[in-house]
């Protein structure tokens, strides 16, 4: 059977197109140019859509309100100082960087041989009580408004005790008192 494919074969190779139109199944020159332009236009639409989506996503991110920065007193604290005002309440003055050159004695009183003091740090806006020349069992208390802190001399041979801090707006707001364990005598700063 001439023209029939051989067993297991695929038949003769197709004939090469001939002529100016390129043969059957191939687009003509005008049609080829139109298809190229349609393809290029489609590619431009895809790129433009991608840019549009990218730009609008960026707009959505920018449209969200960002948290406004808050100004805190702590941001203005000198190096090494870790608290101010209410953030110092109940904390150790030395650990929080409020002692050393930043502290003054705002008031003192004597009871027996023991001295009680209001220690005040303007930078930290806090005060604490201290007793010196004390004996085991003697206590110190600092108060400012409703804030109170106490400490006592616990170990034999110790003679000093400090309270934790209380927040104050000024040194005159704090009052320190000492109570002697041996006699029960009490004395407070003015």
N, C-alpha and C. Protein backbone atom coordinates (compact mmCIF):
# COMPACT_ATOMS: atom_id res chain seq x y z
N UNK A 1 0.85 -1.16 0.00
CA UNK A 1 0.00 0.00 0.00
C UNK A 1 0.90 1.22 0.00
N UNK A 2 1.06 1.88 -1.12
CA UNK A 2 1.94 3.04 -1.16
C UNK A 2 1.36 4.19 -0.36
N UNK A 3 2.23 4.95 0.30
CA UNK A 3 1.83 6.11 1.11
C UNK A 3 1.43 5.69 2.51
N UNK A 4 1.25 4.37 2.76
CA UNK A 4 0.90 3.90 4.10
C UNK A 4 2.18 3.77 4.90
N UNK A 5 2.10 4.04 6.14
CA UNK A 5 3.32 3.95 6.95
C UNK A 5 3.77 2.51 7.08
N UNK A 6 5.06 2.33 7.20
CA UNK A 6 5.62 1.00 7.37
C UNK A 6 5.32 0.54 8.78
N UNK A 7 5.34 -0.75 8.98
CA UNK A 7 5.02 -1.29 10.30
C UNK A 7 5.98 -0.71 11.32
N UNK A 8 5.41 -0.14 12.38
CA UNK A 8 6.22 0.46 13.44
C UNK A 8 6.74 1.82 13.09
N UNK A 9 6.49 2.33 11.92
CA UNK A 9 7.00 3.64 11.53
C UNK A 9 5.95 4.70 11.65
N UNK A 10 6.36 5.85 11.35
CA UNK A 10 5.47 6.98 11.47
C UNK A 10 5.16 7.60 10.12
N UNK A 11 5.59 7.01 9.14
CA UNK A 11 5.31 7.52 7.82
C UNK A 11 6.39 8.46 7.35
N UNK A 12 6.23 8.92 6.14
CA UNK A 12 7.26 9.79 5.58
C UNK A 12 7.23 11.14 6.26
N UNK A 13 8.36 11.83 6.31
CA UNK A 13 8.39 13.16 6.92
C UNK A 13 7.51 14.12 6.17
N UNK A 14 6.92 15.11 6.90
CA UNK A 14 6.05 16.06 6.20
C UNK A 14 6.86 16.88 5.22
N UNK A 15 6.17 17.32 4.20
CA UNK A 15 6.81 18.12 3.17
C UNK A 15 7.11 19.49 3.72
N UNK A 16 8.20 20.09 3.32
CA UNK A 16 8.59 21.44 3.73
C UNK A 16 7.63 22.43 3.11
N UNK A 17 7.22 23.44 3.89
CA UNK A 17 6.34 24.45 3.30
C UNK A 17 7.07 25.19 2.19
N UNK A 18 6.31 25.59 1.30
CA UNK A 18 6.92 26.30 0.18
C UNK A 18 6.09 27.51 -0.15
N UNK A 19 6.69 28.42 -0.80
CA UNK A 19 5.98 29.60 -1.26
C UNK A 19 6.03 30.73 -0.24
N UNK A 20 5.54 31.93 -0.64
CA UNK A 20 5.62 33.10 0.21
C UNK A 20 4.73 33.03 1.44
N UNK A 21 3.67 32.30 1.46
CA UNK A 21 2.77 32.22 2.61
C UNK A 21 3.27 31.25 3.64
N UNK A 22 4.28 30.47 3.36
CA UNK A 22 4.82 29.52 4.30
C UNK A 22 4.06 28.23 4.34
N UNK A 23 3.13 28.02 3.49
CA UNK A 23 2.42 26.74 3.43
C UNK A 23 1.22 26.73 4.32
N UNK A 24 0.50 25.60 4.27
CA UNK A 24 -0.72 25.50 5.06
C UNK A 24 -0.41 25.44 6.55
N UNK A 25 -1.24 26.09 7.43
CA UNK A 25 -1.08 26.06 8.88
C UNK A 25 -0.15 27.11 9.43
N UNK A 26 0.52 27.83 8.64
CA UNK A 26 1.42 28.87 9.13
C UNK A 26 0.80 30.22 8.86
N UNK A 27 0.89 31.13 9.82
CA UNK A 27 0.26 32.43 9.61
C UNK A 27 1.00 33.24 8.57
N UNK A 28 0.26 34.12 7.96
CA UNK A 28 0.85 34.99 6.96
C UNK A 28 1.58 36.12 7.68
N UNK A 29 2.29 36.98 6.99
CA UNK A 29 3.08 38.07 7.56
C UNK A 29 2.25 39.02 8.40
N UNK A 30 1.09 39.45 7.90
CA UNK A 30 0.25 40.39 8.65
C UNK A 30 -0.30 39.72 9.90
N UNK A 31 -0.68 38.51 9.74
CA UNK A 31 -1.25 37.79 10.86
C UNK A 31 -0.17 37.53 11.92
N UNK A 32 1.05 37.24 11.52
CA UNK A 32 2.16 37.00 12.42
C UNK A 32 2.46 38.27 13.20
N UNK A 33 2.46 39.43 12.55
CA UNK A 33 2.71 40.70 13.22
C UNK A 33 1.61 40.99 14.24
N UNK A 34 0.38 40.73 13.89
CA UNK A 34 -0.74 40.97 14.81
C UNK A 34 -0.61 40.07 16.04
N UNK A 35 -0.25 38.81 15.84
CA UNK A 35 -0.10 37.88 16.97
C UNK A 35 1.06 38.34 17.86
N UNK A 36 2.13 38.82 17.31
CA UNK A 36 3.27 39.32 18.09
C UNK A 36 2.84 40.52 18.94
N UNK A 37 2.09 41.43 18.32
CA UNK A 37 1.63 42.61 19.06
C UNK A 37 0.67 42.21 20.19
N UNK A 38 -0.21 41.28 19.96
CA UNK A 38 -1.14 40.81 20.99
C UNK A 38 -0.34 40.18 22.14
N UNK A 39 0.67 39.38 21.82
CA UNK A 39 1.51 38.75 22.85
C UNK A 39 2.27 39.79 23.66
N UNK A 40 2.85 40.79 22.96
CA UNK A 40 3.59 41.85 23.65
C UNK A 40 2.65 42.65 24.55
N UNK A 41 1.45 42.97 24.04
CA UNK A 41 0.48 43.70 24.84
C UNK A 41 0.07 42.89 26.07
N UNK A 42 -0.11 41.60 25.93
CA UNK A 42 -0.45 40.72 27.06
C UNK A 42 0.65 40.73 28.11
N UNK A 43 1.90 40.68 27.66
CA UNK A 43 3.03 40.71 28.59
C UNK A 43 3.07 42.03 29.35
N UNK A 44 2.80 43.14 28.64
CA UNK A 44 2.78 44.45 29.30
C UNK A 44 1.66 44.53 30.33
N UNK A 45 0.51 43.93 30.03
CA UNK A 45 -0.61 43.94 30.98
C UNK A 45 -0.22 43.16 32.25
N UNK A 46 0.43 42.02 32.09
CA UNK A 46 0.86 41.21 33.24
C UNK A 46 1.86 41.99 34.09
N UNK A 47 2.84 42.63 33.46
CA UNK A 47 3.85 43.42 34.19
C UNK A 47 3.18 44.59 34.91
N UNK A 48 2.28 45.30 34.23
CA UNK A 48 1.59 46.44 34.85
C UNK A 48 0.75 45.98 36.04
N UNK A 49 0.06 44.84 35.90
CA UNK A 49 -0.74 44.33 37.00
C UNK A 49 0.15 43.97 38.19
N UNK A 50 1.30 43.37 37.92
CA UNK A 50 2.23 43.03 39.00
C UNK A 50 2.73 44.28 39.72
N UNK A 51 3.06 45.32 38.98
CA UNK A 51 3.50 46.58 39.59
C UNK A 51 2.37 47.22 40.39
N UNK A 52 1.17 47.17 39.86
CA UNK A 52 0.03 47.76 40.58
C UNK A 52 -0.19 47.06 41.91
N UNK A 53 -0.18 45.73 41.91
CA UNK A 53 -0.39 44.96 43.14
C UNK A 53 0.73 45.27 44.13
N UNK A 54 1.96 45.32 43.66
CA UNK A 54 3.09 45.63 44.54
C UNK A 54 2.95 47.01 45.13
N UNK A 55 2.59 47.99 44.35
CA UNK A 55 2.44 49.36 44.84
C UNK A 55 1.29 49.48 45.82
N UNK A 56 0.15 48.82 45.57
CA UNK A 56 -0.98 48.94 46.48
C UNK A 56 -0.71 48.22 47.79
N UNK A 57 0.05 47.14 47.76
CA UNK A 57 0.42 46.48 49.02
C UNK A 57 1.30 47.40 49.84
N UNK A 58 2.21 48.11 49.19
CA UNK A 58 3.06 49.07 49.89
C UNK A 58 2.22 50.18 50.49
N UNK A 59 1.16 50.63 49.78
CA UNK A 59 0.28 51.67 50.30
C UNK A 59 -0.44 51.19 51.54
N UNK A 60 -0.87 49.94 51.55
CA UNK A 60 -1.58 49.40 52.71
C UNK A 60 -0.66 49.39 53.92
N UNK A 61 0.60 49.02 53.73
CA UNK A 61 1.54 49.01 54.84
C UNK A 61 1.76 50.41 55.38
N UNK A 62 1.85 51.38 54.50
CA UNK A 62 2.10 52.74 54.94
C UNK A 62 0.86 53.35 55.56
N UNK A 63 -0.33 52.86 55.19
CA UNK A 63 -1.56 53.44 55.69
C UNK A 63 -1.81 53.05 57.14
N UNK A 64 -1.21 51.93 57.61
CA UNK A 64 -1.39 51.53 58.99
C UNK A 64 -0.74 52.56 59.90
N UNK A 65 -1.43 52.95 60.94
CA UNK A 65 -0.81 53.93 61.85
C UNK A 65 0.33 53.28 62.62
N UNK A 66 1.43 53.97 62.68
CA UNK A 66 2.56 53.47 63.44
C UNK A 66 2.43 53.97 64.87
N UNK A 67 2.96 53.19 65.82
CA UNK A 67 2.85 53.65 67.19
C UNK A 67 3.62 54.95 67.38
N UNK A 68 2.99 55.86 68.08
CA UNK A 68 3.65 57.15 68.28
C UNK A 68 4.67 57.01 69.39
N UNK A 69 5.81 57.64 69.23
CA UNK A 69 6.83 57.54 70.28
C UNK A 69 6.35 58.26 71.54
N UNK A 70 6.64 57.64 72.67
CA UNK A 70 6.25 58.26 73.93
C UNK A 70 7.50 58.77 74.62
N UNK A 71 7.36 59.90 75.21
CA UNK A 71 8.48 60.50 75.92
C UNK A 71 8.36 60.12 77.38
N UNK A 72 9.39 59.49 77.90
CA UNK A 72 9.39 59.13 79.31
C UNK A 72 10.56 59.82 80.00
N UNK A 73 10.39 60.02 81.27
CA UNK A 73 11.45 60.66 82.04
C UNK A 73 12.69 59.78 82.05
N UNK A 74 12.47 58.44 82.02
CA UNK A 74 13.59 57.52 82.05
C UNK A 74 14.49 57.66 80.83
N UNK A 75 13.95 58.11 79.72
CA UNK A 75 14.76 58.27 78.51
C UNK A 75 15.80 59.38 78.70
N UNK A 76 15.57 60.26 79.67
CA UNK A 76 16.47 61.38 79.90
C UNK A 76 17.40 61.13 81.08
N UNK A 77 17.41 59.93 81.62
CA UNK A 77 18.23 59.62 82.78
C UNK A 77 19.70 59.49 82.39
N UNK A 78 20.59 59.87 83.31
CA UNK A 78 22.02 59.72 83.03
C UNK A 78 22.42 58.25 82.93
N UNK A 79 23.55 57.98 82.32
CA UNK A 79 24.01 56.58 82.20
C UNK A 79 24.12 55.92 83.57
N UNK A 80 23.67 54.70 83.65
CA UNK A 80 23.74 53.93 84.89
C UNK A 80 22.52 54.04 85.77
N UNK A 81 21.68 55.05 85.56
CA UNK A 81 20.46 55.23 86.36
C UNK A 81 19.35 54.45 85.66
N UNK A 82 18.68 53.58 86.42
CA UNK A 82 17.73 52.65 85.80
C UNK A 82 16.27 52.91 86.15
N UNK A 83 15.99 53.94 86.97
CA UNK A 83 14.59 54.20 87.30
C UNK A 83 14.42 55.65 87.72
N UNK A 84 13.15 56.06 87.76
CA UNK A 84 12.82 57.41 88.22
C UNK A 84 11.38 57.41 88.71
N UNK A 85 11.15 58.05 89.85
CA UNK A 85 9.78 58.15 90.37
C UNK A 85 9.18 56.82 90.72
N UNK A 86 7.97 56.57 90.25
CA UNK A 86 7.25 55.35 90.61
C UNK A 86 7.95 54.07 90.14
N UNK A 87 8.76 54.16 89.11
CA UNK A 87 9.47 52.94 88.67
C UNK A 87 10.57 52.56 89.66
N UNK A 88 10.90 53.44 90.61
CA UNK A 88 11.90 53.13 91.64
C UNK A 88 11.28 52.51 92.89
N UNK A 89 9.96 52.57 93.02
CA UNK A 89 9.29 52.10 94.23
C UNK A 89 9.67 50.66 94.57
N UNK A 90 10.15 50.47 95.79
CA UNK A 90 10.50 49.13 96.26
C UNK A 90 11.80 48.58 95.74
N UNK A 91 12.60 49.40 95.08
CA UNK A 91 13.87 48.93 94.51
C UNK A 91 15.06 49.46 95.30
N UNK A 92 16.17 48.76 95.17
CA UNK A 92 17.41 49.11 95.86
C UNK A 92 18.08 50.30 95.18
N UNK A 93 18.38 51.35 95.94
CA UNK A 93 18.97 52.57 95.38
C UNK A 93 20.32 52.32 94.72
N UNK A 94 21.13 51.48 95.33
CA UNK A 94 22.46 51.23 94.78
C UNK A 94 22.37 50.44 93.47
N UNK A 95 21.54 49.42 93.44
CA UNK A 95 21.38 48.59 92.24
C UNK A 95 20.82 49.42 91.08
N UNK A 96 19.92 50.35 91.39
CA UNK A 96 19.26 51.15 90.36
C UNK A 96 20.07 52.38 89.96
N UNK A 97 21.24 52.57 90.53
CA UNK A 97 22.12 53.68 90.14
C UNK A 97 21.72 55.03 90.73
N UNK A 98 20.97 55.02 91.83
CA UNK A 98 20.48 56.27 92.43
C UNK A 98 21.37 56.78 93.56
N UNK A 99 22.36 56.02 93.97
CA UNK A 99 23.20 56.44 95.10
C UNK A 99 24.49 57.08 94.59
N UNK A 100 25.51 57.09 95.40
CA UNK A 100 26.79 57.69 95.01
C UNK A 100 26.69 59.20 94.96
N UNK A 101 27.12 59.78 93.85
CA UNK A 101 27.11 61.23 93.67
C UNK A 101 25.70 61.80 93.49
N UNK A 102 24.71 60.94 93.28
CA UNK A 102 23.36 61.41 93.00
C UNK A 102 22.50 61.54 94.26
N UNK A 103 23.05 61.31 95.44
CA UNK A 103 22.25 61.29 96.66
C UNK A 103 22.68 62.37 97.64
N UNK A 104 21.70 62.88 98.38
CA UNK A 104 21.96 63.83 99.46
C UNK A 104 21.19 63.37 100.69
N UNK A 105 21.60 63.86 101.84
CA UNK A 105 20.85 63.61 103.06
C UNK A 105 19.86 64.74 103.22
N UNK A 106 18.57 64.41 103.16
CA UNK A 106 17.52 65.42 103.19
C UNK A 106 17.02 65.69 104.60
N UNK A 107 17.34 64.84 105.55
CA UNK A 107 16.93 65.04 106.93
C UNK A 107 17.54 63.97 107.79
N UNK A 108 17.75 64.26 109.07
CA UNK A 108 18.32 63.27 109.97
C UNK A 108 17.80 63.49 111.39
N UNK A 109 17.90 62.45 112.20
CA UNK A 109 17.52 62.50 113.62
C UNK A 109 18.37 61.47 114.35
N UNK A 110 18.48 61.63 115.66
CA UNK A 110 19.27 60.71 116.47
C UNK A 110 18.37 60.11 117.54
N UNK A 111 18.51 58.81 117.73
CA UNK A 111 17.82 58.11 118.80
C UNK A 111 18.86 57.22 119.49
N UNK A 112 19.14 57.49 120.71
CA UNK A 112 20.23 56.80 121.41
C UNK A 112 21.53 57.13 120.69
N UNK A 113 22.27 56.10 120.31
CA UNK A 113 23.51 56.30 119.55
C UNK A 113 23.28 56.13 118.05
N UNK A 114 22.04 55.84 117.65
CA UNK A 114 21.71 55.55 116.25
C UNK A 114 21.25 56.81 115.53
N UNK A 115 21.75 56.97 114.31
CA UNK A 115 21.33 58.09 113.46
C UNK A 115 20.42 57.55 112.37
N UNK A 116 19.29 58.22 112.14
CA UNK A 116 18.36 57.87 111.06
C UNK A 116 18.37 59.02 110.06
N UNK A 117 18.38 58.68 108.77
CA UNK A 117 18.47 59.70 107.70
C UNK A 117 17.47 59.42 106.59
N UNK A 118 17.01 60.50 105.96
CA UNK A 118 16.29 60.42 104.69
C UNK A 118 17.35 60.64 103.62
N UNK A 119 17.56 59.64 102.81
CA UNK A 119 18.49 59.74 101.68
C UNK A 119 17.63 60.03 100.45
N UNK A 120 18.04 61.04 99.67
CA UNK A 120 17.20 61.52 98.57
C UNK A 120 18.02 61.66 97.29
N UNK A 121 17.45 61.20 96.18
CA UNK A 121 18.06 61.37 94.87
C UNK A 121 17.08 62.13 93.98
N UNK A 122 17.47 63.35 93.63
CA UNK A 122 16.61 64.17 92.76
C UNK A 122 16.48 63.54 91.38
N UNK A 123 17.59 63.01 90.86
CA UNK A 123 17.58 62.39 89.53
C UNK A 123 16.59 61.22 89.49
N UNK A 124 16.57 60.43 90.54
CA UNK A 124 15.68 59.26 90.59
C UNK A 124 14.29 59.60 91.13
N UNK A 125 14.11 60.81 91.65
CA UNK A 125 12.84 61.22 92.25
C UNK A 125 12.38 60.20 93.27
N UNK A 126 13.33 59.81 94.15
CA UNK A 126 13.05 58.79 95.14
C UNK A 126 13.85 59.05 96.41
N UNK A 127 13.37 58.47 97.51
CA UNK A 127 14.05 58.59 98.79
C UNK A 127 14.08 57.22 99.47
N UNK A 128 15.00 57.04 100.39
CA UNK A 128 15.09 55.82 101.18
C UNK A 128 15.63 56.17 102.55
N UNK A 129 15.39 55.29 103.51
CA UNK A 129 15.86 55.52 104.87
C UNK A 129 17.14 54.76 105.14
N UNK A 130 17.96 55.34 106.03
CA UNK A 130 19.21 54.67 106.42
C UNK A 130 19.41 54.89 107.92
N UNK A 131 19.84 53.83 108.61
CA UNK A 131 20.29 53.98 109.98
C UNK A 131 21.75 53.58 110.07
N UNK A 132 22.49 54.31 110.88
CA UNK A 132 23.90 54.02 111.12
C UNK A 132 24.13 53.95 112.62
N UNK A 133 25.21 53.32 113.02
CA UNK A 133 25.57 53.10 114.43
C UNK A 133 24.44 52.39 115.15
N UNK A 134 23.79 51.48 114.43
CA UNK A 134 22.66 50.72 114.97
C UNK A 134 23.16 49.38 115.51
N UNK A 135 22.29 48.67 116.19
CA UNK A 135 22.62 47.34 116.68
C UNK A 135 21.59 46.35 116.13
N UNK A 136 21.89 45.06 116.31
CA UNK A 136 21.02 44.02 115.79
C UNK A 136 19.59 44.20 116.31
N UNK A 137 18.61 44.18 115.37
CA UNK A 137 17.21 44.32 115.70
C UNK A 137 16.67 45.72 115.51
N UNK A 138 17.53 46.74 115.42
CA UNK A 138 17.07 48.11 115.20
C UNK A 138 16.45 48.19 113.80
N UNK A 139 15.37 48.98 113.66
CA UNK A 139 14.68 49.08 112.38
C UNK A 139 14.65 50.52 111.89
N UNK A 140 14.51 50.64 110.56
CA UNK A 140 14.36 51.93 109.91
C UNK A 140 13.16 51.84 108.98
N UNK A 141 12.40 52.92 108.91
CA UNK A 141 11.24 52.99 108.02
C UNK A 141 11.27 54.31 107.28
N UNK A 142 10.94 54.27 105.98
CA UNK A 142 10.78 55.49 105.17
C UNK A 142 9.33 55.53 104.70
N UNK A 143 8.74 56.71 104.69
CA UNK A 143 7.36 56.82 104.20
C UNK A 143 7.20 58.11 103.41
N UNK A 144 6.33 58.03 102.43
CA UNK A 144 5.94 59.19 101.63
C UNK A 144 4.52 58.91 101.16
N UNK A 145 3.57 59.64 101.73
CA UNK A 145 2.17 59.36 101.40
C UNK A 145 1.83 57.95 101.84
N UNK A 146 1.29 57.15 100.93
CA UNK A 146 0.92 55.77 101.24
C UNK A 146 2.08 54.80 101.04
N UNK A 147 3.19 55.25 100.48
CA UNK A 147 4.34 54.38 100.23
C UNK A 147 5.19 54.24 101.49
N UNK A 148 5.49 52.99 101.85
CA UNK A 148 6.33 52.72 103.03
C UNK A 148 7.29 51.57 102.71
N UNK A 149 8.49 51.69 103.25
CA UNK A 149 9.49 50.63 103.14
C UNK A 149 10.20 50.54 104.49
N UNK A 150 10.55 49.31 104.92
CA UNK A 150 11.28 49.12 106.18
C UNK A 150 12.45 48.17 105.98
N UNK A 151 13.40 48.25 106.90
CA UNK A 151 14.53 47.32 106.94
C UNK A 151 15.04 47.30 108.37
N UNK A 152 15.84 46.30 108.68
CA UNK A 152 16.41 46.21 110.03
C UNK A 152 17.81 45.64 109.97
N UNK A 153 18.55 45.86 111.04
CA UNK A 153 19.89 45.29 111.18
C UNK A 153 19.68 43.85 111.65
N UNK A 154 20.05 42.88 110.81
CA UNK A 154 19.76 41.49 111.12
C UNK A 154 20.96 40.71 111.63
N UNK A 155 22.12 40.96 111.10
CA UNK A 155 23.30 40.16 111.44
C UNK A 155 24.05 40.78 112.62
N UNK A 156 24.54 39.94 113.50
CA UNK A 156 25.35 40.46 114.61
C UNK A 156 26.58 41.19 114.05
N UNK A 157 26.90 42.32 114.60
CA UNK A 157 28.06 43.09 114.16
C UNK A 157 27.74 44.11 113.09
N UNK A 158 26.62 43.97 112.37
CA UNK A 158 26.22 44.99 111.40
C UNK A 158 25.76 46.24 112.16
N UNK A 159 25.99 47.41 111.58
CA UNK A 159 25.58 48.65 112.22
C UNK A 159 24.78 49.57 111.30
N UNK A 160 24.57 49.12 110.03
CA UNK A 160 23.90 49.96 109.03
C UNK A 160 22.76 49.16 108.39
N UNK A 161 21.65 49.85 108.10
CA UNK A 161 20.54 49.25 107.35
C UNK A 161 19.93 50.32 106.45
N UNK A 162 19.49 49.90 105.28
CA UNK A 162 18.86 50.78 104.29
C UNK A 162 17.50 50.22 103.92
N UNK A 163 16.53 51.08 103.67
CA UNK A 163 15.25 50.62 103.13
C UNK A 163 15.33 50.64 101.61
N UNK A 164 14.35 50.05 100.98
CA UNK A 164 14.16 50.20 99.55
C UNK A 164 13.59 51.60 99.31
N UNK A 165 13.51 52.03 98.06
CA UNK A 165 13.10 53.40 97.74
C UNK A 165 11.59 53.57 97.72
N UNK A 166 11.18 54.82 97.98
CA UNK A 166 9.79 55.26 97.78
C UNK A 166 9.84 56.45 96.83
N UNK A 167 8.87 56.57 95.91
CA UNK A 167 8.87 57.71 94.99
C UNK A 167 8.48 58.99 95.71
N UNK A 168 9.14 60.09 95.39
CA UNK A 168 8.82 61.40 95.96
C UNK A 168 9.00 62.46 94.89
N UNK A 169 8.21 63.53 94.99
CA UNK A 169 8.38 64.66 94.08
C UNK A 169 9.46 65.61 94.58
N UNK A 170 9.64 65.63 95.93
CA UNK A 170 10.70 66.45 96.52
C UNK A 170 11.17 65.78 97.80
N UNK A 171 12.33 66.19 98.28
CA UNK A 171 12.92 65.59 99.48
C UNK A 171 12.05 65.79 100.71
N UNK A 172 11.28 66.86 100.75
CA UNK A 172 10.47 67.17 101.93
C UNK A 172 9.27 66.25 102.09
N UNK A 173 8.94 65.46 101.06
CA UNK A 173 7.80 64.54 101.14
C UNK A 173 8.11 63.29 101.95
N UNK A 174 9.38 62.97 102.17
CA UNK A 174 9.76 61.72 102.83
C UNK A 174 10.06 61.94 104.30
N UNK A 175 9.73 60.91 105.09
CA UNK A 175 10.00 60.93 106.53
C UNK A 175 10.59 59.58 106.89
N UNK A 176 11.70 59.60 107.65
CA UNK A 176 12.35 58.37 108.09
C UNK A 176 12.28 58.27 109.60
N UNK A 177 12.07 57.04 110.09
CA UNK A 177 12.01 56.79 111.53
C UNK A 177 12.88 55.59 111.87
N UNK A 178 13.44 55.61 113.08
CA UNK A 178 14.21 54.49 113.60
C UNK A 178 13.61 54.05 114.92
N UNK A 179 13.60 52.73 115.11
CA UNK A 179 13.13 52.17 116.37
C UNK A 179 14.23 51.25 116.89
N UNK A 180 14.66 51.52 118.14
CA UNK A 180 15.72 50.72 118.75
C UNK A 180 15.12 49.45 119.35
N UNK A 181 15.73 48.32 119.05
CA UNK A 181 15.23 47.03 119.53
C UNK A 181 15.38 46.90 121.04
N UNK A 182 16.46 47.39 121.59
CA UNK A 182 16.75 47.20 123.02
C UNK A 182 15.78 47.96 123.92
N UNK A 183 15.39 49.18 123.53
CA UNK A 183 14.59 50.04 124.41
C UNK A 183 13.20 50.36 123.86
N UNK A 184 12.97 50.16 122.54
CA UNK A 184 11.70 50.52 121.94
C UNK A 184 11.61 52.00 121.62
N UNK A 185 12.69 52.76 121.89
CA UNK A 185 12.69 54.20 121.58
C UNK A 185 12.52 54.40 120.08
N UNK A 186 11.82 55.48 119.73
CA UNK A 186 11.59 55.82 118.31
C UNK A 186 11.90 57.27 118.10
N UNK A 187 12.52 57.56 116.94
CA UNK A 187 12.79 58.95 116.56
C UNK A 187 12.62 59.06 115.05
N UNK A 188 12.07 60.22 114.62
CA UNK A 188 11.81 60.43 113.19
C UNK A 188 12.41 61.76 112.74
N UNK A 189 12.68 61.84 111.45
CA UNK A 189 13.14 63.09 110.85
C UNK A 189 11.95 64.03 110.77
N UNK A 190 12.22 65.31 110.69
CA UNK A 190 11.15 66.31 110.60
C UNK A 190 10.56 66.36 109.22
